[in-house]
Amino acid sequence: GMDRIGAKRDLLTAYLEFIIEDVSNRNSKKCSFEIITPSDKLKRGSQLSILIHGQGKSLFDNLTKKGVISDWREPNVIRIAPVPLYNSFEDCYNFGLYLEQAIE
């Protein structure tokens, strides 16, 4: 039911937030990320807006080449949303790998 879909949405988004912060911490000399979406799950749904410090649209382009479907917003924001009916925790993990690989 919808309650289980909502619960999976919240878990996927929290896991993805953790992964993004981990990649940011490990690569802070080259590039760092700031999640500008509210951390309160009631205010964000599944969408995360990531402010990129140290790189620009080339990082988004590299993610797109790897098959990541996301949205670019000027000046340096990537918006992503794990969808509970279509995405898995493995997809979130792979996004972290692709994000790290995309850092130039």
PDB file of N, CA and C in Angstrom:
ATOM      1  N   GLY A   1       0.803  -1.178   0.000  1.00  0.00           N
ATOM      2  CA  GLY A   1       0.000   0.000   0.000  1.00  0.00           C
ATOM      3  C   GLY A   1       0.863   1.266   0.000  1.00  0.00           C
ATOM      4  N   MET A   2       0.200   2.375   0.034  1.00  0.00           N
ATOM      5  CA  MET A   2       0.881   3.672  -0.016  1.00  0.00           C
ATOM      6  C   MET A   2       1.798   3.900   1.186  1.00  0.00           C
ATOM      7  N   ASP A   3       1.429   3.348   2.344  1.00  0.00           N
ATOM      8  CA  ASP A   3       2.281   3.531   3.519  1.00  0.00           C
ATOM      9  C   ASP A   3       3.643   2.863   3.323  1.00  0.00           C
ATOM     10  N   ARG A   4       3.669   1.722   2.687  1.00  0.00           N
ATOM     11  CA  ARG A   4       4.938   1.032   2.428  1.00  0.00           C
ATOM     12  C   ARG A   4       5.751   1.755   1.351  1.00  0.00           C
ATOM     13  N   ILE A   5       5.076   2.290   0.356  1.00  0.00           N
ATOM     14  CA  ILE A   5       5.764   3.061  -0.685  1.00  0.00           C
ATOM     15  C   ILE A   5       6.386   4.316  -0.070  1.00  0.00           C
ATOM     16  N   GLY A   6       5.645   5.001   0.781  1.00  0.00           N
ATOM     17  CA  GLY A   6       6.170   6.187   1.461  1.00  0.00           C
ATOM     18  C   GLY A   6       7.353   5.855   2.362  1.00  0.00           C
ATOM     19  N   ALA A   7       7.268   4.735   3.051  1.00  0.00           N
ATOM     20  CA  ALA A   7       8.372   4.321   3.922  1.00  0.00           C
ATOM     21  C   ALA A   7       9.621   4.022   3.100  1.00  0.00           C
ATOM     22  N   LYS A   8       9.451   3.341   1.965  1.00  0.00           N
ATOM     23  CA  LYS A   8      10.607   3.049   1.107  1.00  0.00           C
ATOM     24  C   LYS A   8      11.187   4.347   0.540  1.00  0.00           C
ATOM     25  N   ARG A   9      10.319   5.274   0.161  1.00  0.00           N
ATOM     26  CA  ARG A   9      10.782   6.581  -0.332  1.00  0.00           C
ATOM     27  C   ARG A   9      11.679   7.252   0.699  1.00  0.00           C
ATOM     28  N   ASP A  10      11.229   7.278   1.932  1.00  0.00           N
ATOM     29  CA  ASP A  10      11.996   7.936   2.994  1.00  0.00           C
ATOM     30  C   ASP A  10      13.334   7.238   3.229  1.00  0.00           C
ATOM     31  N   LEU A  11      13.333   5.912   3.225  1.00  0.00           N
ATOM     32  CA  LEU A  11      14.579   5.164   3.434  1.00  0.00           C
ATOM     33  C   LEU A  11      15.548   5.345   2.266  1.00  0.00           C
ATOM     34  N   LEU A  12      15.029   5.277   1.030  1.00  0.00           N
ATOM     35  CA  LEU A  12      15.886   5.477  -0.146  1.00  0.00           C
ATOM     36  C   LEU A  12      16.527   6.861  -0.127  1.00  0.00           C
ATOM     37  N   THR A  13      15.722   7.873   0.163  1.00  0.00           N
ATOM     38  CA  THR A  13      16.221   9.243   0.145  1.00  0.00           C
ATOM     39  C   THR A  13      17.241   9.470   1.252  1.00  0.00           C
ATOM     40  N   ALA A  14      16.998   8.930   2.428  1.00  0.00           N
ATOM     41  CA  ALA A  14      17.960   9.056   3.531  1.00  0.00           C
ATOM     42  C   ALA A  14      19.268   8.330   3.196  1.00  0.00           C
ATOM     43  N   TYR A  15      19.156   7.167   2.588  1.00  0.00           N
ATOM     44  CA  TYR A  15      20.351   6.411   2.187  1.00  0.00           C
ATOM     45  C   TYR A  15      21.137   7.183   1.124  1.00  0.00           C
ATOM     46  N   LEU A  16      20.440   7.741   0.155  1.00  0.00           N
ATOM     47  CA  LEU A  16      21.099   8.525  -0.884  1.00  0.00           C
ATOM     48  C   LEU A  16      21.770   9.759  -0.294  1.00  0.00           C
ATOM     49  N   GLU A  17      21.124  10.407   0.659  1.00  0.00           N
ATOM     50  CA  GLU A  17      21.717  11.560   1.335  1.00  0.00           C
ATOM     51  C   GLU A  17      23.018  11.146   2.036  1.00  0.00           C
ATOM     52  N   PHE A  18      22.997  10.013   2.722  1.00  0.00           N
ATOM     53  CA  PHE A  18      24.194   9.491   3.387  1.00  0.00           C
ATOM     54  C   PHE A  18      25.318   9.251   2.377  1.00  0.00           C
ATOM     55  N   ILE A  19      24.987   8.651   1.250  1.00  0.00           N
ATOM     56  CA  ILE A  19      25.992   8.348   0.224  1.00  0.00           C
ATOM     57  C   ILE A  19      26.605   9.635  -0.323  1.00  0.00           C
ATOM     58  N   ILE A  20      25.783  10.620  -0.626  1.00  0.00           N
ATOM     59  CA  ILE A  20      26.279  11.891  -1.161  1.00  0.00           C
ATOM     60  C   ILE A  20      27.213  12.565  -0.161  1.00  0.00           C
ATOM     61  N   GLU A  21      26.827  12.576   1.098  1.00  0.00           N
ATOM     62  CA  GLU A  21      27.682  13.183   2.122  1.00  0.00           C
ATOM     63  C   GLU A  21      29.001  12.424   2.269  1.00  0.00           C
ATOM     64  N   ASP A  22      28.956  11.101   2.156  1.00  0.00           N
ATOM     65  CA  ASP A  22      30.176  10.294   2.247  1.00  0.00           C
ATOM     66  C   ASP A  22      31.113  10.592   1.077  1.00  0.00           C
ATOM     67  N   VAL A  23      30.576  10.643  -0.129  1.00  0.00           N
ATOM     68  CA  VAL A  23      31.398  10.968  -1.305  1.00  0.00           C
ATOM     69  C   VAL A  23      31.985  12.366  -1.154  1.00  0.00           C
ATOM     70  N   SER A  24      31.198  13.300  -0.673  1.00  0.00           N
ATOM     71  CA  SER A  24      31.667  14.667  -0.472  1.00  0.00           C
ATOM     72  C   SER A  24      32.823  14.714   0.530  1.00  0.00           C
ATOM     73  N   ASN A  25      32.676  14.011   1.641  1.00  0.00           N
ATOM     74  CA  ASN A  25      33.725  14.011   2.665  1.00  0.00           C
ATOM     75  C   ASN A  25      35.022  13.390   2.156  1.00  0.00           C
ATOM     76  N   ARG A  26      34.915  12.347   1.345  1.00  0.00           N
ATOM     77  CA  ARG A  26      36.120  11.667   0.857  1.00  0.00           C
ATOM     78  C   ARG A  26      36.803  12.402  -0.295  1.00  0.00           C
ATOM     79  N   ASN A  27      36.109  13.339  -0.918  1.00  0.00           N
ATOM     80  CA  ASN A  27      36.652  14.034  -2.088  1.00  0.00           C
ATOM     81  C   ASN A  27      36.675  15.545  -1.902  1.00  0.00           C
ATOM     82  N   SER A  28      36.674  16.012  -0.681  1.00  0.00           N
ATOM     83  CA  SER A  28      36.493  17.441  -0.407  1.00  0.00           C
ATOM     84  C   SER A  28      37.593  18.323  -0.986  1.00  0.00           C
ATOM     85  N   LYS A  29      38.770  17.770  -1.262  1.00  0.00           N
ATOM     86  CA  LYS A  29      39.839  18.594  -1.846  1.00  0.00           C
ATOM     87  C   LYS A  29      39.575  18.888  -3.319  1.00  0.00           C
ATOM     88  N   LYS A  30      38.853  18.014  -4.014  1.00  0.00           N
ATOM     89  CA  LYS A  30      38.546  18.203  -5.428  1.00  0.00           C
ATOM     90  C   LYS A  30      37.188  18.862  -5.628  1.00  0.00           C
ATOM     91  N   CYS A  31      36.237  18.424  -4.814  1.00  0.00           N
ATOM     92  CA  CYS A  31      34.855  18.845  -5.007  1.00  0.00           C
ATOM     93  C   CYS A  31      34.077  18.474  -3.748  1.00  0.00           C
ATOM     94  N   SER A  32      33.101  19.272  -3.393  1.00  0.00           N
ATOM     95  CA  SER A  32      32.244  18.903  -2.274  1.00  0.00           C
ATOM     96  C   SER A  32      30.799  19.213  -2.636  1.00  0.00           C
ATOM     97  N   PHE A  33      29.905  18.606  -1.886  1.00  0.00           N
ATOM     98  CA  PHE A  33      28.481  18.724  -2.158  1.00  0.00           C
ATOM     99  C   PHE A  33      27.760  19.197  -0.914  1.00  0.00           C
ATOM    100  N   GLU A  34      26.760  20.019  -1.139  1.00  0.00           N
ATOM    101  CA  GLU A  34      25.913  20.505  -0.057  1.00  0.00           C
ATOM    102  C   GLU A  34      24.465  20.229  -0.450  1.00  0.00           C
ATOM    103  N   ILE A  35      23.792  19.421   0.324  1.00  0.00           N
ATOM    104  CA  ILE A  35      22.389  19.134   0.044  1.00  0.00           C
ATOM    105  C   ILE A  35      21.575  20.307   0.577  1.00  0.00           C
ATOM    106  N   ILE A  36      20.914  21.006  -0.339  1.00  0.00           N
ATOM    107  CA  ILE A  36      20.184  22.210   0.031  1.00  0.00           C
ATOM    108  C   ILE A  36      18.688  21.956   0.228  1.00  0.00           C
ATOM    109  N   THR A  37      18.261  20.731  -0.018  1.00  0.00           N
ATOM    110  CA  THR A  37      16.888  20.327   0.260  1.00  0.00           C
ATOM    111  C   THR A  37      16.750  20.136   1.769  1.00  0.00           C
ATOM    112  N   PRO A  38      15.621  20.506   2.362  1.00  0.00           N
ATOM    113  CA  PRO A  38      15.464  20.276   3.808  1.00  0.00           C
ATOM    114  C   PRO A  38      15.712  18.814   4.181  1.00  0.00           C
ATOM    115  N   SER A  39      16.344  18.587   5.318  1.00  0.00           N
ATOM    116  CA  SER A  39      16.624  17.215   5.743  1.00  0.00           C
ATOM    117  C   SER A  39      15.386  16.550   6.354  1.00  0.00           C
ATOM    118  N   ASP A  40      14.382  17.331   6.709  1.00  0.00           N
ATOM    119  CA  ASP A  40      13.143  16.788   7.255  1.00  0.00           C
ATOM    120  C   ASP A  40      12.377  16.055   6.158  1.00  0.00           C
ATOM    121  N   LYS A  41      12.157  14.758   6.344  1.00  0.00           N
ATOM    122  CA  LYS A  41      11.514  13.951   5.307  1.00  0.00           C
ATOM    123  C   LYS A  41      10.097  14.427   4.976  1.00  0.00           C
ATOM    124  N   LEU A  42       9.457  15.121   5.881  1.00  0.00           N
ATOM    125  CA  LEU A  42       8.121  15.632   5.609  1.00  0.00           C
ATOM    126  C   LEU A  42       8.133  16.858   4.701  1.00  0.00           C
ATOM    127  N   LYS A  43       9.301  17.489   4.547  1.00  0.00           N
ATOM    128  CA  LYS A  43       9.412  18.691   3.725  1.00  0.00           C
ATOM    129  C   LYS A  43      10.078  18.447   2.379  1.00  0.00           C
ATOM    130  N   ARG A  44      10.603  17.241   2.150  1.00  0.00           N
ATOM    131  CA  ARG A  44      11.353  17.038   0.905  1.00  0.00           C
ATOM    132  C   ARG A  44      10.821  15.936   0.005  1.00  0.00           C
ATOM    133  N   GLY A  45      10.074  15.012   0.489  1.00  0.00           N
ATOM    134  CA  GLY A  45       9.691  13.879  -0.339  1.00  0.00           C
ATOM    135  C   GLY A  45      10.930  13.095  -0.715  1.00  0.00           C
ATOM    136  N   SER A  46      11.063  12.744  -1.986  1.00  0.00           N
ATOM    137  CA  SER A  46      12.237  11.961  -2.395  1.00  0.00           C
ATOM    138  C   SER A  46      13.265  12.795  -3.157  1.00  0.00           C
ATOM    139  N   GLN A  47      12.991  14.051  -3.389  1.00  0.00           N
ATOM    140  CA  GLN A  47      13.889  14.886  -4.195  1.00  0.00           C
ATOM    141  C   GLN A  47      15.000  15.476  -3.343  1.00  0.00           C
ATOM    142  N   LEU A  48      16.235  15.431  -3.886  1.00  0.00           N
ATOM    143  CA  LEU A  48      17.390  16.067  -3.255  1.00  0.00           C
ATOM    144  C   LEU A  48      18.024  17.033  -4.246  1.00  0.00           C
ATOM    145  N   SER A  49      18.270  18.255  -3.801  1.00  0.00           N
ATOM    146  CA  SER A  49      19.011  19.236  -4.594  1.00  0.00           C
ATOM    147  C   SER A  49      20.413  19.320  -4.019  1.00  0.00           C
ATOM    148  N   ILE A  50      21.396  19.113  -4.881  1.00  0.00           N
ATOM    149  CA  ILE A  50      22.795  19.057  -4.455  1.00  0.00           C
ATOM    150  C   ILE A  50      23.540  20.241  -5.040  1.00  0.00           C
ATOM    151  N   LEU A  51      24.014  21.126  -4.187  1.00  0.00           N
ATOM    152  CA  LEU A  51      24.839  22.253  -4.609  1.00  0.00           C
ATOM    153  C   LEU A  51      26.273  21.750  -4.727  1.00  0.00           C
ATOM    154  N   ILE A  52      26.868  21.940  -5.893  1.00  0.00           N
ATOM    155  CA  ILE A  52      28.211  21.434  -6.165  1.00  0.00           C
ATOM    156  C   ILE A  52      29.217  22.554  -5.955  1.00  0.00           C
ATOM    157  N   HIS A  53      30.177  22.311  -5.078  1.00  0.00           N
ATOM    158  CA  HIS A  53      31.262  23.266  -4.840  1.00  0.00           C
ATOM    159  C   HIS A  53      32.525  22.729  -5.495  1.00  0.00           C
ATOM    160  N   GLY A  54      33.094  23.487  -6.421  1.00  0.00           N
ATOM    161  CA  GLY A  54      34.365  23.097  -7.014  1.00  0.00           C
ATOM    162  C   GLY A  54      34.266  22.532  -8.414  1.00  0.00           C
ATOM    163  N   GLN A  55      33.075  22.241  -8.883  1.00  0.00           N
ATOM    164  CA  GLN A  55      32.878  21.776 -10.255  1.00  0.00           C
ATOM    165  C   GLN A  55      31.533  22.265 -10.742  1.00  0.00           C
ATOM    166  N   GLY A  56      31.349  22.173 -12.014  1.00  0.00           N
ATOM    167  CA  GLY A  56      30.110  22.672 -12.582  1.00  0.00           C
ATOM    168  C   GLY A  56      29.373  21.636 -13.388  1.00  0.00           C
ATOM    169  N   LYS A  57      28.850  22.066 -14.514  1.00  0.00           N
ATOM    170  CA  LYS A  57      27.986  21.233 -15.335  1.00  0.00           C
ATOM    171  C   LYS A  57      28.701  20.002 -15.874  1.00  0.00           C
ATOM    172  N   SER A  58      30.027  20.023 -15.940  1.00  0.00           N
ATOM    173  CA  SER A  58      30.753  18.844 -16.440  1.00  0.00           C
ATOM    174  C   SER A  58      30.488  17.620 -15.560  1.00  0.00           C
ATOM    175  N   LEU A  59      30.319  17.827 -14.268  1.00  0.00           N
ATOM    176  CA  LEU A  59      30.000  16.714 -13.373  1.00  0.00           C
ATOM    177  C   LEU A  59      28.628  16.139 -13.725  1.00  0.00           C
ATOM    178  N   PHE A  60      27.652  17.001 -13.955  1.00  0.00           N
ATOM    179  CA  PHE A  60      26.314  16.572 -14.381  1.00  0.00           C
ATOM    180  C   PHE A  60      26.398  15.817 -15.706  1.00  0.00           C
ATOM    181  N   ASP A  61      27.168  16.351 -16.648  1.00  0.00           N
ATOM    182  CA  ASP A  61      27.314  15.702 -17.953  1.00  0.00           C
ATOM    183  C   ASP A  61      27.942  14.318 -17.821  1.00  0.00           C
ATOM    184  N   ASN A  62      28.927  14.178 -16.946  1.00  0.00           N
ATOM    185  CA  ASN A  62      29.558  12.874 -16.721  1.00  0.00           C
ATOM    186  C   ASN A  62      28.564  11.882 -16.111  1.00  0.00           C
ATOM    187  N   LEU A  63      27.723  12.343 -15.202  1.00  0.00           N
ATOM    188  CA  LEU A  63      26.700  11.472 -14.622  1.00  0.00           C
ATOM    189  C   LEU A  63      25.694  11.035 -15.692  1.00  0.00           C
ATOM    190  N   THR A  64      25.312  11.963 -16.543  1.00  0.00           N
ATOM    191  CA  THR A  64      24.365  11.654 -17.612  1.00  0.00           C
ATOM    192  C   THR A  64      24.928  10.586 -18.543  1.00  0.00           C
ATOM    193  N   LYS A  65      26.214  10.677 -18.870  1.00  0.00           N
ATOM    194  CA  LYS A  65      26.862   9.673 -19.723  1.00  0.00           C
ATOM    195  C   LYS A  65      26.829   8.287 -19.090  1.00  0.00           C
ATOM    196  N   LYS A  66      26.775   8.227 -17.768  1.00  0.00           N
ATOM    197  CA  LYS A  66      26.724   6.950 -17.058  1.00  0.00           C
ATOM    198  C   LYS A  66      25.291   6.438 -16.894  1.00  0.00           C
ATOM    199  N   GLY A  67      24.318   7.171 -17.453  1.00  0.00           N
ATOM    200  CA  GLY A  67      22.933   6.731 -17.419  1.00  0.00           C
ATOM    201  C   GLY A  67      22.106   7.280 -16.275  1.00  0.00           C
ATOM    202  N   VAL A  68      22.668   8.216 -15.502  1.00  0.00           N
ATOM    203  CA  VAL A  68      21.923   8.820 -14.398  1.00  0.00           C
ATOM    204  C   VAL A  68      20.952   9.847 -14.964  1.00  0.00           C
ATOM    205  N   ILE A  69      19.694   9.718 -14.592  1.00  0.00           N
ATOM    206  CA  ILE A  69      18.684  10.689 -15.017  1.00  0.00           C
ATOM    207  C   ILE A  69      18.490  11.673 -13.864  1.00  0.00           C
ATOM    208  N   SER A  70      18.877  12.897 -14.113  1.00  0.00           N
ATOM    209  CA  SER A  70      18.775  13.944 -13.098  1.00  0.00           C
ATOM    210  C   SER A  70      18.473  15.262 -13.793  1.00  0.00           C
ATOM    211  N   ASP A  71      18.489  16.333 -13.034  1.00  0.00           N
ATOM    212  CA  ASP A  71      18.110  17.643 -13.555  1.00  0.00           C
ATOM    213  C   ASP A  71      19.189  18.646 -13.173  1.00  0.00           C
ATOM    214  N   TRP A  72      19.578  19.500 -14.101  1.00  0.00           N
ATOM    215  CA  TRP A  72      20.588  20.530 -13.858  1.00  0.00           C
ATOM    216  C   TRP A  72      19.903  21.873 -13.670  1.00  0.00           C
ATOM    217  N   ARG A  73      20.298  22.606 -12.624  1.00  0.00           N
ATOM    218  CA  ARG A  73      19.801  23.953 -12.367  1.00  0.00           C
ATOM    219  C   ARG A  73      20.996  24.875 -12.173  1.00  0.00           C
ATOM    220  N   GLU A  74      20.992  25.986 -12.886  1.00  0.00           N
ATOM    221  CA  GLU A  74      22.054  26.976 -12.742  1.00  0.00           C
ATOM    222  C   GLU A  74      21.975  27.599 -11.355  1.00  0.00           C
ATOM    223  N   PRO A  75      23.091  27.940 -10.731  1.00  0.00           N
ATOM    224  CA  PRO A  75      24.414  27.883 -11.318  1.00  0.00           C
ATOM    225  C   PRO A  75      25.116  26.527 -11.133  1.00  0.00           C
ATOM    226  N   ASN A  76      24.899  25.818 -10.040  1.00  0.00           N
ATOM    227  CA  ASN A  76      25.627  24.571  -9.781  1.00  0.00           C
ATOM    228  C   ASN A  76      24.800  23.583  -8.971  1.00  0.00           C
ATOM    229  N   VAL A  77      23.596  23.278  -9.420  1.00  0.00           N
ATOM    230  CA  VAL A  77      22.738  22.384  -8.649  1.00  0.00           C
ATOM    231  C   VAL A  77      22.289  21.205  -9.510  1.00  0.00           C
ATOM    232  N   ILE A  78      22.443  20.014  -8.948  1.00  0.00           N
ATOM    233  CA  ILE A  78      21.900  18.802  -9.554  1.00  0.00           C
ATOM    234  C   ILE A  78      20.740  18.353  -8.675  1.00  0.00           C
ATOM    235  N   ARG A  79      19.611  18.054  -9.314  1.00  0.00           N
ATOM    236  CA  ARG A  79      18.453  17.556  -8.579  1.00  0.00           C
ATOM    237  C   ARG A  79      18.243  16.090  -8.946  1.00  0.00           C
ATOM    238  N   ILE A  80      18.103  15.259  -7.922  1.00  0.00           N
ATOM    239  CA  ILE A  80      17.868  13.833  -8.140  1.00  0.00           C
ATOM    240  C   ILE A  80      16.718  13.387  -7.241  1.00  0.00           C
ATOM    241  N   ALA A  81      16.068  12.306  -7.647  1.00  0.00           N
ATOM    242  CA  ALA A  81      14.942  11.800  -6.856  1.00  0.00           C
ATOM    243  C   ALA A  81      14.839  10.288  -7.027  1.00  0.00           C
ATOM    244  N   PRO A  82      15.190   9.530  -5.986  1.00  0.00           N
ATOM    245  CA  PRO A  82      14.972   8.088  -6.072  1.00  0.00           C
ATOM    246  C   PRO A  82      13.469   7.793  -5.958  1.00  0.00           C
ATOM    247  N   VAL A  83      12.944   7.083  -6.903  1.00  0.00           N
ATOM    248  CA  VAL A  83      11.512   6.785  -6.953  1.00  0.00           C
ATOM    249  C   VAL A  83      11.289   5.375  -6.401  1.00  0.00           C
ATOM    250  N   PRO A  84      10.523   5.233  -5.325  1.00  0.00           N
ATOM    251  CA  PRO A  84      10.414   3.937  -4.668  1.00  0.00           C
ATOM    252  C   PRO A  84       9.833   2.813  -5.526  1.00  0.00           C
ATOM    253  N   LEU A  85       9.037   3.149  -6.515  1.00  0.00           N
ATOM    254  CA  LEU A  85       8.482   2.095  -7.373  1.00  0.00           C
ATOM    255  C   LEU A  85       9.470   1.615  -8.426  1.00  0.00           C
ATOM    256  N   TYR A  86      10.516   2.418  -8.692  1.00  0.00           N
ATOM    257  CA  TYR A  86      11.434   2.091  -9.774  1.00  0.00           C
ATOM    258  C   TYR A  86      12.879   1.915  -9.324  1.00  0.00           C
ATOM    259  N   ASN A  87      13.267   2.567  -8.257  1.00  0.00           N
ATOM    260  CA  ASN A  87      14.665   2.546  -7.818  1.00  0.00           C
ATOM    261  C   ASN A  87      14.857   1.642  -6.608  1.00  0.00           C
ATOM    262  N   SER A  88      16.094   1.135  -6.511  1.00  0.00           N
ATOM    263  CA  SER A  88      16.455   0.251  -5.411  1.00  0.00           C
ATOM    264  C   SER A  88      17.580   0.891  -4.594  1.00  0.00           C
ATOM    265  N   PHE A  89      17.903   0.256  -3.474  1.00  0.00           N
ATOM    266  CA  PHE A  89      19.036   0.711  -2.677  1.00  0.00           C
ATOM    267  C   PHE A  89      20.329   0.514  -3.459  1.00  0.00           C
ATOM    268  N   GLU A  90      20.374  -0.500  -4.290  1.00  0.00           N
ATOM    269  CA  GLU A  90      21.547  -0.721  -5.147  1.00  0.00           C
ATOM    270  C   GLU A  90      21.709   0.433  -6.138  1.00  0.00           C
ATOM    271  N   ASP A  91      20.613   0.941  -6.670  1.00  0.00           N
ATOM    272  CA  ASP A  91      20.678   2.106  -7.559  1.00  0.00           C
ATOM    273  C   ASP A  91      21.307   3.299  -6.834  1.00  0.00           C
ATOM    274  N   CYS A  92      20.925   3.511  -5.586  1.00  0.00           N
ATOM    275  CA  CYS A  92      21.493   4.616  -4.796  1.00  0.00           C
ATOM    276  C   CYS A  92      22.987   4.400  -4.576  1.00  0.00           C
ATOM    277  N   TYR A  93      23.362   3.183  -4.254  1.00  0.00           N
ATOM    278  CA  TYR A  93      24.775   2.858  -4.070  1.00  0.00           C
ATOM    279  C   TYR A  93      25.552   3.128  -5.357  1.00  0.00           C
ATOM    280  N   ASN A  94      25.001   2.674  -6.485  1.00  0.00           N
ATOM    281  CA  ASN A  94      25.662   2.893  -7.776  1.00  0.00           C
ATOM    282  C   ASN A  94      25.763   4.368  -8.105  1.00  0.00           C
ATOM    283  N   PHE A  95      24.764   5.154  -7.729  1.00  0.00           N
ATOM    284  CA  PHE A  95      24.858   6.594  -7.940  1.00  0.00           C
ATOM    285  C   PHE A  95      26.078   7.151  -7.217  1.00  0.00           C
ATOM    286  N   GLY A  96      26.324   6.694  -6.000  1.00  0.00           N
ATOM    287  CA  GLY A  96      27.505   7.138  -5.263  1.00  0.00           C
ATOM    288  C   GLY A  96      28.791   6.796  -5.991  1.00  0.00           C
ATOM    289  N   LEU A  97      28.859   5.591  -6.562  1.00  0.00           N
ATOM    290  CA  LEU A  97      30.039   5.202  -7.345  1.00  0.00           C
ATOM    291  C   LEU A  97      30.193   6.113  -8.564  1.00  0.00           C
ATOM    292  N   TYR A  98      29.088   6.334  -9.277  1.00  0.00           N
ATOM    293  CA  TYR A  98      29.127   7.178 -10.467  1.00  0.00           C
ATOM    294  C   TYR A  98      29.483   8.623 -10.111  1.00  0.00           C
ATOM    295  N   LEU A  99      28.973   9.097  -8.989  1.00  0.00           N
ATOM    296  CA  LEU A  99      29.267  10.456  -8.548  1.00  0.00           C
ATOM    297  C   LEU A  99      30.761  10.608  -8.278  1.00  0.00           C
ATOM    298  N   GLU A 100      31.328   9.630  -7.598  1.00  0.00           N
ATOM    299  CA  GLU A 100      32.759   9.680  -7.306  1.00  0.00           C
ATOM    300  C   GLU A 100      33.583   9.613  -8.592  1.00  0.00           C
ATOM    301  N   GLN A 101      33.176   8.777  -9.535  1.00  0.00           N
ATOM    302  CA  GLN A 101      33.873   8.652 -10.810  1.00  0.00           C
ATOM    303  C   GLN A 101      33.744   9.919 -11.647  1.00  0.00           C
ATOM    304  N   ALA A 102      32.640  10.637 -11.511  1.00  0.00           N
ATOM    305  CA  ALA A 102      32.379  11.832 -12.318  1.00  0.00           C
ATOM    306  C   ALA A 102      33.190  13.039 -11.862  1.00  0.00           C
ATOM    307  N   ILE A 103      33.715  12.994 -10.638  1.00  0.00           N
ATOM    308  CA  ILE A 103      34.521  14.109 -10.139  1.00  0.00           C
ATOM    309  C   ILE A 103      35.810  14.177 -10.930  1.00  0.00           C
ATOM    310  N   GLU A 104      36.067  15.324 -11.525  1.00  0.00           N
ATOM    311  CA  GLU A 104      37.284  15.471 -12.341  1.00  0.00           C
ATOM    312  C   GLU A 104      38.442  15.951 -11.515  1.00  0.00           C
TER     313      GLU A 104
END
